[in-house]
Protein backbone atom coordinates (compact mmCIF):
# COMPACT_ATOMS: atom_id res chain seq x y z
CA UNK A 1 37.68 49.19 39.53
CA UNK A 2 36.78 48.81 43.30
CA UNK A 3 38.79 47.01 45.46
CA UNK A 4 39.04 43.42 44.74
CA UNK A 5 36.98 40.79 46.82
CA UNK A 6 39.20 38.36 48.97
CA UNK A 7 38.93 35.03 50.47
CA UNK A 8 36.07 34.10 48.11
CA UNK A 9 34.31 30.71 48.98
CA UNK A 10 32.22 28.81 46.30
CA UNK A 11 28.12 29.49 46.79
CA UNK A 12 24.86 28.58 45.35
CA UNK A 13 24.24 31.21 42.54
CA UNK A 14 20.33 30.48 43.02
CA UNK A 15 20.27 31.27 46.40
CA UNK A 16 22.42 34.06 46.26
CA UNK A 17 20.49 35.83 43.25
CA UNK A 18 17.61 35.30 45.36
CA UNK A 19 18.88 37.21 48.64
CA UNK A 20 20.06 39.54 46.36
CA UNK A 21 17.10 40.34 44.55
CA UNK A 22 15.05 40.19 47.77
CA UNK A 23 17.44 42.98 49.22
CA UNK A 24 17.27 45.00 46.14
CA UNK A 25 13.43 44.87 46.47
CA UNK A 26 13.45 45.82 49.97
CA UNK A 27 15.88 49.24 49.33
CA UNK A 28 13.13 50.63 46.93
CA UNK A 29 11.61 51.94 50.23
CA UNK A 30 15.05 53.28 51.61
CA UNK A 31 16.23 57.16 51.56
CA UNK A 32 18.25 57.37 48.39
CA UNK A 33 20.29 59.70 50.12
CA UNK A 34 21.23 56.65 52.49
CA UNK A 35 21.19 53.79 50.04
CA UNK A 36 22.60 53.44 46.30
CA UNK A 37 20.54 50.90 45.45
CA UNK A 38 17.62 53.18 46.18
CA UNK A 39 19.02 55.94 44.42
CA UNK A 40 19.31 53.78 41.38
CA UNK A 41 15.97 52.56 41.52
CA UNK A 42 14.31 56.17 41.75
CA UNK A 43 16.50 58.63 40.39
CA UNK A 44 17.22 59.43 36.99
CA UNK A 45 17.27 56.48 34.75
CA UNK A 46 20.21 57.44 32.90
CA UNK A 47 22.52 56.88 35.91
CA UNK A 48 21.81 53.22 36.07
CA UNK A 49 21.84 52.62 32.25
CA UNK A 50 25.23 54.56 32.46
CA UNK A 51 26.56 52.18 35.33
CA UNK A 52 25.65 48.97 33.15
CA UNK A 53 27.31 50.36 30.11
CA UNK A 54 30.40 50.87 32.59
CA UNK A 55 30.41 47.52 34.34
CA UNK A 56 29.98 45.67 30.97
CA UNK A 57 32.82 47.66 29.51
CA UNK A 58 34.96 46.69 32.76
CA UNK A 59 34.02 43.16 32.39
CA UNK A 60 35.11 43.13 28.61
CA UNK A 61 38.37 44.77 29.43
CA UNK A 62 39.00 42.22 32.33
CA UNK A 63 38.57 39.34 30.04
CA UNK A 64 40.56 40.61 27.54
CA UNK A 65 43.37 41.08 30.00
CA UNK A 66 42.54 37.15 31.10
CA UNK A 67 42.54 38.23 34.72
CA UNK A 68 40.33 35.72 36.43
CA UNK A 69 39.78 37.74 39.90
CA UNK A 70 38.85 40.86 37.93
CA UNK A 71 36.02 39.16 35.69
CA UNK A 72 34.82 37.59 38.72
CA UNK A 73 34.64 41.01 40.58
CA UNK A 74 33.18 42.83 37.19
CA UNK A 75 30.49 40.18 36.54
CA UNK A 76 29.43 40.52 40.00
CA UNK A 77 29.11 44.42 39.46
CA UNK A 78 27.35 43.80 36.01
CA UNK A 79 24.90 41.30 37.53
CA UNK A 80 24.06 43.59 40.33
CA UNK A 81 23.12 46.50 38.21
CA UNK A 82 21.23 44.25 35.91
CA UNK A 83 19.03 43.13 38.63
CA UNK A 84 18.46 46.59 39.97
CA UNK A 85 17.50 47.50 36.32
CA UNK A 86 15.15 44.51 36.21
CA UNK A 87 13.55 45.65 39.67
CA UNK A 88 13.04 49.03 38.39
CA UNK A 89 11.29 47.85 35.11
CA UNK A 90 9.12 45.55 36.88
CA UNK A 91 10.75 42.10 35.69
CA UNK A 92 10.61 39.61 38.16
CA UNK A 93 13.73 37.04 38.20
CA UNK A 94 10.46 34.39 37.45
CA UNK A 95 9.61 36.35 34.49
CA UNK A 96 13.43 36.34 33.42
CA UNK A 97 13.49 32.74 34.08
CA UNK A 98 10.55 31.91 31.94
CA UNK A 99 12.34 34.01 29.23
CA UNK A 100 15.45 31.71 29.61
CA UNK A 101 13.46 28.63 29.83
CA UNK A 102 11.64 29.29 26.58
CA UNK A 103 14.86 29.59 24.66
CA UNK A 104 16.29 26.23 25.69
CA UNK A 105 13.13 24.49 24.37
């Protein structure tokens, strides 16, 4: 686990995800040596898949510990890596939203 984030302020999840998605998309052209995100987008797919599994496991363990701050932290890690995976595989946020919308009908 990384260092826990302090002084959290509530935000707008939609706006935050839109900004994060745009940042991830822009990192595709960055040098993989200088950008962790660029490396996940361009190097061996297994590195990204391993991180998703790791972050999902850490989230489950945080939930089992009933540790609110740790749950939030690990959920952020998992969501970031999931967004990188979607960018890498060419699934846009709008396409994912369509998938989720179709399930609510």
